[in-house]
C-alpha cells in the first residue's frame, strides 16, 4: 500500500484558483489509477478526476473545463489544478490510488470557496 499526503487546500473566493498536490510515499510509475474525490458535509464522497498510468483522464461533469489533473511520476505527485472555483466546490478533497486491487486514500485537504 502507498501512503498519500494531500496539500494545497484553503479558503478562496468564488472565481479563484487553487492547486492541490498529492505526494506519494513511493514510486507511482506502476500505479494504475490515481485521482481525486471530494466529500461535502452531509453528502457522499464523489469522483472529481482520475488519471491512469498511461495519462488518460476522466472528470466529473461538474468540473469539466475548470479542473485539470496531472501526474509527475518523477516527483511521485499528482496535482489537481482548480480554476473558476464555485461555492459548490467546497468540500474535503481526498487523493486516491488504485494499484491492481489495492486502494489507498489520503487524509484529505479542505477546500472552501466563499461567494
C-alpha atoms as a PDB file:
ATOM      1  CA  UNK A   1       0.000   0.000   0.000  1.00  0.00           C
ATOM      2  CA  UNK A   2       1.145   3.548  -0.678  1.00  0.00           C
ATOM      3  CA  UNK A   3       0.790   6.489   1.717  1.00  0.00           C
ATOM      4  CA  UNK A   4      -0.721   9.616   0.202  1.00  0.00           C
ATOM      5  CA  UNK A   5      -0.449  13.136   1.633  1.00  0.00           C
ATOM      6  CA  UNK A   6      -2.511  15.988   0.246  1.00  0.00           C
ATOM      7  CA  UNK A   7      -1.669  19.683   0.381  1.00  0.00           C
ATOM      8  CA  UNK A   8      -2.805  22.945  -1.158  1.00  0.00           C
ATOM      9  CA  UNK A   9      -6.289  23.326   0.240  1.00  0.00           C
ATOM     10  CA  UNK A  10      -7.565  26.548   1.720  1.00  0.00           C
ATOM     11  CA  UNK A  11     -10.068  29.361   1.533  1.00  0.00           C
ATOM     12  CA  UNK A  12     -10.612  31.131  -1.782  1.00  0.00           C
ATOM     13  CA  UNK A  13     -13.211  33.455  -3.247  1.00  0.00           C
ATOM     14  CA  UNK A  14     -15.531  32.324  -5.997  1.00  0.00           C
ATOM     15  CA  UNK A  15     -13.803  32.575  -9.348  1.00  0.00           C
ATOM     16  CA  UNK A  16     -10.402  31.949  -7.815  1.00  0.00           C
ATOM     17  CA  UNK A  17      -7.942  29.100  -8.245  1.00  0.00           C
ATOM     18  CA  UNK A  18      -6.174  26.525  -6.115  1.00  0.00           C
ATOM     19  CA  UNK A  19      -3.755  23.731  -6.902  1.00  0.00           C
ATOM     20  CA  UNK A  20      -3.871  20.581  -4.836  1.00  0.00           C
ATOM     21  CA  UNK A  21      -0.942  18.202  -4.629  1.00  0.00           C
ATOM     22  CA  UNK A  22      -0.857  14.572  -3.554  1.00  0.00           C
ATOM     23  CA  UNK A  23       2.577  13.265  -2.611  1.00  0.00           C
ATOM     24  CA  UNK A  24       3.088   9.513  -2.565  1.00  0.00           C
ATOM     25  CA  UNK A  25       5.445   7.655  -0.243  1.00  0.00           C
ATOM     26  CA  UNK A  26       6.969   5.649  -3.106  1.00  0.00           C
ATOM     27  CA  UNK A  27       7.112   5.458  -6.865  1.00  0.00           C
ATOM     28  CA  UNK A  28       3.783   5.909  -8.631  1.00  0.00           C
ATOM     29  CA  UNK A  29       5.099   4.793 -12.015  1.00  0.00           C
ATOM     30  CA  UNK A  30       3.270   1.485 -11.890  1.00  0.00           C
ATOM     31  CA  UNK A  31       0.127   2.661 -10.099  1.00  0.00           C
ATOM     32  CA  UNK A  32      -2.761   2.070 -12.485  1.00  0.00           C
ATOM     33  CA  UNK A  33      -5.013   4.913 -11.469  1.00  0.00           C
ATOM     34  CA  UNK A  34      -4.664   7.972  -9.293  1.00  0.00           C
ATOM     35  CA  UNK A  35      -7.036  10.802  -8.710  1.00  0.00           C
ATOM     36  CA  UNK A  36      -9.198  12.942  -6.522  1.00  0.00           C
ATOM     37  CA  UNK A  37     -12.531  12.526  -4.810  1.00  0.00           C
ATOM     38  CA  UNK A  38     -14.375  15.040  -2.664  1.00  0.00           C
ATOM     39  CA  UNK A  39     -16.945  14.955   0.084  1.00  0.00           C
ATOM     40  CA  UNK A  40     -19.112  17.851   1.183  1.00  0.00           C
ATOM     41  CA  UNK A  41     -20.882  17.856   4.572  1.00  0.00           C
ATOM     42  CA  UNK A  42     -23.935  15.599   4.510  1.00  0.00           C
ATOM     43  CA  UNK A  43     -23.096  14.234   1.060  1.00  0.00           C
ATOM     44  CA  UNK A  44     -21.477  11.092  -0.259  1.00  0.00           C
ATOM     45  CA  UNK A  45     -17.902  11.049  -1.492  1.00  0.00           C
ATOM     46  CA  UNK A  46     -17.847  11.683  -5.242  1.00  0.00           C
ATOM     47  CA  UNK A  47     -15.356  11.367  -8.045  1.00  0.00           C
ATOM     48  CA  UNK A  48     -13.662  14.572  -9.183  1.00  0.00           C
ATOM     49  CA  UNK A  49     -10.922  13.415 -11.558  1.00  0.00           C
ATOM     50  CA  UNK A  50      -8.817  10.366 -12.374  1.00  0.00           C
ATOM     51  CA  UNK A  51      -5.643   9.801 -14.356  1.00  0.00           C
ATOM     52  CA  UNK A  52      -4.217   6.477 -15.465  1.00  0.00           C
ATOM     53  CA  UNK A  53      -0.590   5.425 -15.733  1.00  0.00           C
ATOM     54  CA  UNK A  54      -0.924   6.000 -19.471  1.00  0.00           C
ATOM     55  CA  UNK A  55      -2.176   9.550 -18.993  1.00  0.00           C
ATOM     56  CA  UNK A  56      -5.844   9.009 -19.770  1.00  0.00           C
ATOM     57  CA  UNK A  57      -8.017  11.365 -17.746  1.00  0.00           C
ATOM     58  CA  UNK A  58     -11.606  11.311 -16.554  1.00  0.00           C
ATOM     59  CA  UNK A  59     -13.565  14.162 -14.967  1.00  0.00           C
ATOM     60  CA  UNK A  60     -16.868  14.651 -13.245  1.00  0.00           C
ATOM     61  CA  UNK A  61     -19.250  16.651 -15.428  1.00  0.00           C
ATOM     62  CA  UNK A  62     -19.424  19.346 -12.768  1.00  0.00           C
ATOM     63  CA  UNK A  63     -15.700  20.159 -13.070  1.00  0.00           C
ATOM     64  CA  UNK A  64     -15.022  19.619 -16.779  1.00  0.00           C
ATOM     65  CA  UNK A  65     -13.355  22.641 -18.315  1.00  0.00           C
ATOM     66  CA  UNK A  66     -12.421  24.061 -14.903  1.00  0.00           C
ATOM     67  CA  UNK A  67     -10.225  21.402 -13.253  1.00  0.00           C
ATOM     68  CA  UNK A  68      -7.146  19.698 -14.679  1.00  0.00           C
ATOM     69  CA  UNK A  69      -5.462  16.600 -13.269  1.00  0.00           C
ATOM     70  CA  UNK A  70      -1.820  15.772 -13.912  1.00  0.00           C
ATOM     71  CA  UNK A  71       0.760  13.344 -12.577  1.00  0.00           C
ATOM     72  CA  UNK A  72       4.518  13.740 -12.272  1.00  0.00           C
ATOM     73  CA  UNK A  73       5.993  10.271 -11.842  1.00  0.00           C
ATOM     74  CA  UNK A  74       9.475  11.634 -11.151  1.00  0.00           C
ATOM     75  CA  UNK A  75       8.145  13.676  -8.215  1.00  0.00           C
ATOM     76  CA  UNK A  76       5.725  10.922  -7.115  1.00  0.00           C
ATOM     77  CA  UNK A  77       2.987  13.546  -7.120  1.00  0.00           C
ATOM     78  CA  UNK A  78      -0.467  14.023  -8.589  1.00  0.00           C
ATOM     79  CA  UNK A  79      -1.880  17.514  -8.998  1.00  0.00           C
ATOM     80  CA  UNK A  80      -5.346  18.975  -9.333  1.00  0.00           C
ATOM     81  CA  UNK A  81      -5.461  22.472 -10.790  1.00  0.00           C
ATOM     82  CA  UNK A  82      -8.808  24.037  -9.929  1.00  0.00           C
ATOM     83  CA  UNK A  83      -9.876  27.212 -11.730  1.00  0.00           C
ATOM     84  CA  UNK A  84     -13.099  29.217 -11.718  1.00  0.00           C
ATOM     85  CA  UNK A  85     -13.986  27.801  -8.348  1.00  0.00           C
ATOM     86  CA  UNK A  86     -17.597  27.892  -7.197  1.00  0.00           C
ATOM     87  CA  UNK A  87     -19.105  27.717  -3.703  1.00  0.00           C
ATOM     88  CA  UNK A  88     -20.441  24.261  -4.585  1.00  0.00           C
ATOM     89  CA  UNK A  89     -16.845  23.066  -4.939  1.00  0.00           C
ATOM     90  CA  UNK A  90     -16.486  23.412  -1.160  1.00  0.00           C
ATOM     91  CA  UNK A  91     -15.551  20.009   0.242  1.00  0.00           C
ATOM     92  CA  UNK A  92     -12.805  17.882   1.686  1.00  0.00           C
ATOM     93  CA  UNK A  93     -10.688  16.630  -1.210  1.00  0.00           C
ATOM     94  CA  UNK A  94      -9.135  13.173  -0.979  1.00  0.00           C
ATOM     95  CA  UNK A  95      -6.321  11.706  -3.012  1.00  0.00           C
ATOM     96  CA  UNK A  96      -6.937   8.177  -4.307  1.00  0.00           C
ATOM     97  CA  UNK A  97      -4.811   5.484  -5.838  1.00  0.00           C
ATOM     98  CA  UNK A  98      -5.534   2.005  -7.159  1.00  0.00           C
ATOM     99  CA  UNK A  99      -2.733  -0.441  -7.861  1.00  0.00           C
ATOM    100  CA  UNK A 100      -4.262  -3.674  -9.128  1.00  0.00           C
ATOM    101  CA  UNK A 101      -6.744  -4.445  -6.319  1.00  0.00           C
ATOM    102  CA  UNK A 102      -5.114  -2.258  -3.656  1.00  0.00           C
ATOM    103  CA  UNK A 103      -6.865   1.048  -2.995  1.00  0.00           C
ATOM    104  CA  UNK A 104      -5.290   3.806  -0.896  1.00  0.00           C
ATOM    105  CA  UNK A 105      -6.665   7.106   0.361  1.00  0.00           C
ATOM    106  CA  UNK A 106      -5.083  10.241   1.731  1.00  0.00           C
ATOM    107  CA  UNK A 107      -6.307  12.048   4.834  1.00  0.00           C
ATOM    108  CA  UNK A 108      -7.914  14.859   2.866  1.00  0.00           C
ATOM    109  CA  UNK A 109      -7.473  18.588   2.464  1.00  0.00           C
ATOM    110  CA  UNK A 110     -10.247  21.128   2.919  1.00  0.00           C
ATOM    111  CA  UNK A 111     -11.247  23.483   0.114  1.00  0.00           C
ATOM    112  CA  UNK A 112     -13.658  26.282   0.985  1.00  0.00           C
ATOM    113  CA  UNK A 113     -14.985  28.637  -1.683  1.00  0.00           C
ATOM    114  CA  UNK A 114     -16.711  31.779  -0.466  1.00  0.00           C
ATOM    115  CA  UNK A 115     -19.354  33.586  -2.501  1.00  0.00           C
END
